[in-house]
Amino acid sequence: PDLAKGQATATVCGACHAFDGSRGSPANPIIQGQHADYIVKQLRDYKTGRRQNPIMQSMAAPLSEEDMRNVAAFYASKEPRPGFARTR
């Protein structure tokens, strides 16, 4: 995967997930440090409609397999911030 291309493609993702994948809004998942294979699988599932979310489906629709691998590698390369789960 090409991290530079992934970074360029991820500029769109940053609107919701923050540029470093740290979430942005609490409603959005943290993707920084996530396994690249997991990110690619989720993007494929959104693209094919297997996973339903109108926003993510429209974001994944134009991505090629190479784009998905590059974006996934970019976010996987980010060091996750330390934290902990909270009970609500």
N, C-alpha and C. Protein backbone atom coordinates (compact mmCIF):
# COMPACT_ATOMS: atom_id res chain seq x y z
N PRO A 1 0.82 -1.21 0.00
CA PRO A 1 0.00 0.00 0.00
C PRO A 1 0.86 1.27 0.00
N ASP A 2 0.31 2.30 -0.54
CA ASP A 2 1.00 3.59 -0.64
C ASP A 2 0.41 4.54 0.39
N LEU A 3 1.17 4.82 1.45
CA LEU A 3 0.67 5.67 2.53
C LEU A 3 0.39 7.10 2.06
N ALA A 4 1.20 7.61 1.13
CA ALA A 4 0.98 8.97 0.63
C ALA A 4 -0.34 9.06 -0.13
N LYS A 5 -0.63 8.06 -0.95
CA LYS A 5 -1.91 8.04 -1.65
C LYS A 5 -3.06 7.85 -0.66
N GLY A 6 -2.84 7.02 0.35
CA GLY A 6 -3.85 6.82 1.37
C GLY A 6 -4.14 8.11 2.13
N GLN A 7 -3.09 8.86 2.43
CA GLN A 7 -3.26 10.14 3.11
C GLN A 7 -4.06 11.11 2.24
N ALA A 8 -3.77 11.13 0.95
CA ALA A 8 -4.50 12.02 0.03
C ALA A 8 -5.98 11.64 -0.03
N THR A 9 -6.26 10.37 -0.11
CA THR A 9 -7.64 9.91 -0.16
C THR A 9 -8.35 10.16 1.17
N ALA A 10 -7.62 10.05 2.26
CA ALA A 10 -8.19 10.20 3.60
C ALA A 10 -8.61 11.63 3.94
N THR A 11 -8.27 12.59 3.11
CA THR A 11 -8.69 13.96 3.41
C THR A 11 -10.21 14.05 3.50
N VAL A 12 -10.91 13.26 2.70
CA VAL A 12 -12.37 13.22 2.74
C VAL A 12 -12.84 12.56 4.04
N CYS A 13 -12.16 11.52 4.46
CA CYS A 13 -12.52 10.79 5.68
C CYS A 13 -12.40 11.67 6.91
N GLY A 14 -11.43 12.59 6.86
CA GLY A 14 -11.15 13.46 8.00
C GLY A 14 -12.31 14.33 8.42
N ALA A 15 -13.26 14.57 7.52
CA ALA A 15 -14.41 15.40 7.88
C ALA A 15 -15.20 14.79 9.03
N CYS A 16 -15.26 13.48 9.11
CA CYS A 16 -16.01 12.81 10.18
C CYS A 16 -15.12 12.10 11.20
N HIS A 17 -14.02 11.53 10.73
CA HIS A 17 -13.16 10.71 11.60
C HIS A 17 -11.94 11.47 12.11
N ALA A 18 -11.82 12.75 11.80
CA ALA A 18 -10.63 13.56 12.08
C ALA A 18 -9.49 13.06 11.19
N PHE A 19 -8.60 13.95 10.85
CA PHE A 19 -7.57 13.58 9.89
C PHE A 19 -6.71 12.42 10.38
N ASP A 20 -6.49 12.34 11.70
CA ASP A 20 -5.66 11.26 12.23
C ASP A 20 -6.46 10.01 12.59
N GLY A 21 -7.79 10.04 12.33
CA GLY A 21 -8.63 8.89 12.60
C GLY A 21 -9.06 8.79 14.05
N SER A 22 -8.84 9.84 14.83
CA SER A 22 -9.13 9.80 16.27
C SER A 22 -10.60 10.01 16.59
N ARG A 23 -11.43 10.12 15.63
CA ARG A 23 -12.88 10.13 15.76
C ARG A 23 -13.53 11.40 15.27
N GLY A 24 -13.14 12.56 15.75
CA GLY A 24 -13.89 13.75 15.45
C GLY A 24 -15.06 13.82 16.41
N SER A 25 -16.24 13.53 15.94
CA SER A 25 -17.45 13.52 16.76
C SER A 25 -17.56 12.20 17.52
N PRO A 26 -18.07 12.24 18.75
CA PRO A 26 -18.24 10.99 19.51
C PRO A 26 -19.14 9.96 18.82
N ALA A 27 -19.92 10.38 17.85
CA ALA A 27 -20.79 9.44 17.14
C ALA A 27 -20.02 8.60 16.12
N ASN A 28 -18.79 8.99 15.81
CA ASN A 28 -18.01 8.31 14.77
C ASN A 28 -16.97 7.39 15.40
N PRO A 29 -16.70 6.25 14.75
CA PRO A 29 -15.71 5.33 15.32
C PRO A 29 -14.28 5.85 15.16
N ILE A 30 -13.45 5.46 16.11
CA ILE A 30 -12.01 5.74 16.04
C ILE A 30 -11.41 4.72 15.09
N ILE A 31 -10.68 5.19 14.08
CA ILE A 31 -10.07 4.26 13.12
C ILE A 31 -8.54 4.32 13.15
N GLN A 32 -7.97 5.24 13.90
CA GLN A 32 -6.51 5.30 13.98
C GLN A 32 -5.99 4.04 14.68
N GLY A 33 -4.96 3.45 14.10
CA GLY A 33 -4.37 2.25 14.68
C GLY A 33 -5.18 0.99 14.48
N GLN A 34 -6.31 1.08 13.80
CA GLN A 34 -7.14 -0.10 13.53
C GLN A 34 -6.41 -0.99 12.51
N HIS A 35 -6.64 -2.28 12.56
CA HIS A 35 -6.00 -3.19 11.61
C HIS A 35 -6.44 -2.84 10.19
N ALA A 36 -5.49 -2.79 9.28
CA ALA A 36 -5.78 -2.42 7.89
C ALA A 36 -6.79 -3.38 7.26
N ASP A 37 -6.64 -4.68 7.51
CA ASP A 37 -7.57 -5.65 6.93
C ASP A 37 -9.00 -5.39 7.38
N TYR A 38 -9.16 -4.99 8.63
CA TYR A 38 -10.49 -4.69 9.16
C TYR A 38 -11.09 -3.48 8.43
N ILE A 39 -10.30 -2.44 8.25
CA ILE A 39 -10.79 -1.23 7.57
C ILE A 39 -11.19 -1.57 6.14
N VAL A 40 -10.35 -2.33 5.45
CA VAL A 40 -10.67 -2.71 4.06
C VAL A 40 -11.97 -3.50 4.03
N LYS A 41 -12.14 -4.45 4.94
CA LYS A 41 -13.37 -5.25 4.96
C LYS A 41 -14.59 -4.36 5.16
N GLN A 42 -14.51 -3.43 6.08
CA GLN A 42 -15.66 -2.56 6.33
C GLN A 42 -15.96 -1.70 5.11
N LEU A 43 -14.93 -1.15 4.47
CA LEU A 43 -15.15 -0.34 3.27
C LEU A 43 -15.78 -1.16 2.16
N ARG A 44 -15.32 -2.40 1.98
CA ARG A 44 -15.92 -3.29 0.97
C ARG A 44 -17.39 -3.55 1.28
N ASP A 45 -17.65 -3.82 2.56
CA ASP A 45 -19.03 -4.10 2.96
C ASP A 45 -19.94 -2.90 2.72
N TYR A 46 -19.45 -1.70 2.98
CA TYR A 46 -20.24 -0.50 2.69
C TYR A 46 -20.44 -0.36 1.18
N LYS A 47 -19.38 -0.58 0.43
CA LYS A 47 -19.45 -0.42 -1.02
C LYS A 47 -20.45 -1.38 -1.66
N THR A 48 -20.48 -2.62 -1.19
CA THR A 48 -21.37 -3.62 -1.76
C THR A 48 -22.78 -3.56 -1.18
N GLY A 49 -22.97 -2.80 -0.11
CA GLY A 49 -24.27 -2.72 0.53
C GLY A 49 -24.50 -3.77 1.60
N ARG A 50 -23.50 -4.61 1.81
CA ARG A 50 -23.61 -5.62 2.86
C ARG A 50 -23.76 -4.96 4.24
N ARG A 51 -23.09 -3.83 4.39
CA ARG A 51 -23.24 -3.04 5.61
C ARG A 51 -23.96 -1.76 5.23
N GLN A 52 -25.01 -1.44 5.97
CA GLN A 52 -25.88 -0.32 5.61
C GLN A 52 -25.57 0.93 6.44
N ASN A 53 -25.22 1.98 5.75
CA ASN A 53 -25.09 3.31 6.34
C ASN A 53 -25.01 4.26 5.15
N PRO A 54 -26.02 5.09 4.95
CA PRO A 54 -26.05 5.93 3.75
C PRO A 54 -24.81 6.81 3.56
N ILE A 55 -24.29 7.34 4.64
CA ILE A 55 -23.11 8.21 4.51
C ILE A 55 -21.90 7.38 4.09
N MET A 56 -21.64 6.28 4.81
CA MET A 56 -20.47 5.48 4.50
C MET A 56 -20.60 4.77 3.14
N GLN A 57 -21.81 4.40 2.77
CA GLN A 57 -21.99 3.78 1.46
C GLN A 57 -21.62 4.76 0.35
N SER A 58 -22.01 6.02 0.51
CA SER A 58 -21.67 7.00 -0.52
C SER A 58 -20.18 7.34 -0.50
N MET A 59 -19.55 7.24 0.65
CA MET A 59 -18.11 7.52 0.73
C MET A 59 -17.30 6.36 0.13
N ALA A 60 -17.75 5.14 0.34
CA ALA A 60 -17.02 3.97 -0.15
C ALA A 60 -17.27 3.69 -1.62
N ALA A 61 -18.40 4.11 -2.14
CA ALA A 61 -18.79 3.78 -3.52
C ALA A 61 -17.71 4.10 -4.56
N PRO A 62 -17.07 5.27 -4.53
CA PRO A 62 -16.10 5.57 -5.57
C PRO A 62 -14.71 4.96 -5.34
N LEU A 63 -14.48 4.33 -4.20
CA LEU A 63 -13.15 3.82 -3.89
C LEU A 63 -12.83 2.54 -4.65
N SER A 64 -11.64 2.49 -5.21
CA SER A 64 -11.16 1.25 -5.82
C SER A 64 -10.56 0.37 -4.73
N GLU A 65 -10.25 -0.87 -5.05
CA GLU A 65 -9.59 -1.76 -4.09
C GLU A 65 -8.26 -1.15 -3.64
N GLU A 66 -7.54 -0.56 -4.58
CA GLU A 66 -6.26 0.08 -4.24
C GLU A 66 -6.48 1.25 -3.29
N ASP A 67 -7.50 2.07 -3.55
CA ASP A 67 -7.81 3.18 -2.66
C ASP A 67 -8.09 2.67 -1.25
N MET A 68 -8.89 1.62 -1.16
CA MET A 68 -9.24 1.07 0.16
C MET A 68 -8.00 0.58 0.90
N ARG A 69 -7.14 -0.12 0.20
CA ARG A 69 -5.91 -0.62 0.84
C ARG A 69 -5.01 0.52 1.27
N ASN A 70 -4.92 1.57 0.45
CA ASN A 70 -4.07 2.71 0.79
C ASN A 70 -4.60 3.48 2.00
N VAL A 71 -5.91 3.74 2.02
CA VAL A 71 -6.52 4.45 3.15
C VAL A 71 -6.39 3.62 4.42
N ALA A 72 -6.64 2.32 4.30
CA ALA A 72 -6.54 1.44 5.46
C ALA A 72 -5.12 1.43 6.01
N ALA A 73 -4.13 1.37 5.14
CA ALA A 73 -2.74 1.38 5.59
C ALA A 73 -2.39 2.71 6.25
N PHE A 74 -2.91 3.81 5.71
CA PHE A 74 -2.66 5.13 6.29
C PHE A 74 -3.18 5.18 7.72
N TYR A 75 -4.44 4.80 7.94
CA TYR A 75 -5.00 4.85 9.30
C TYR A 75 -4.38 3.81 10.21
N ALA A 76 -4.04 2.64 9.69
CA ALA A 76 -3.38 1.61 10.50
C ALA A 76 -2.01 2.08 10.97
N SER A 77 -1.37 2.95 10.22
CA SER A 77 -0.04 3.44 10.58
C SER A 77 -0.07 4.46 11.71
N LYS A 78 -1.24 4.95 12.03
CA LYS A 78 -1.38 5.96 13.10
C LYS A 78 -1.32 5.28 14.46
N GLU A 79 -0.59 5.89 15.37
CA GLU A 79 -0.48 5.37 16.73
C GLU A 79 -1.78 5.65 17.48
N PRO A 80 -2.45 4.62 17.99
CA PRO A 80 -3.68 4.88 18.73
C PRO A 80 -3.39 5.64 20.03
N ARG A 81 -4.28 6.51 20.38
CA ARG A 81 -4.16 7.24 21.64
C ARG A 81 -4.54 6.32 22.79
N PRO A 82 -3.79 6.38 23.88
CA PRO A 82 -4.17 5.56 25.01
C PRO A 82 -5.51 6.02 25.58
N GLY A 83 -6.26 5.09 26.07
CA GLY A 83 -7.57 5.42 26.64
C GLY A 83 -8.15 4.20 27.31
N PHE A 84 -9.38 4.29 27.63
CA PHE A 84 -10.04 3.17 28.28
C PHE A 84 -11.52 3.22 27.96
N ALA A 85 -12.15 2.07 28.08
CA ALA A 85 -13.59 1.99 27.85
C ALA A 85 -14.33 2.50 29.09
N ARG A 86 -15.45 3.09 28.84
CA ARG A 86 -16.28 3.56 29.96
C ARG A 86 -17.61 2.84 29.94
N THR A 87 -18.15 2.64 31.10
CA THR A 87 -19.49 2.08 31.17
C THR A 87 -20.46 3.24 31.25
N ARG A 88 -21.54 3.11 30.57
CA ARG A 88 -22.53 4.19 30.59
C ARG A 88 -23.69 3.80 31.46
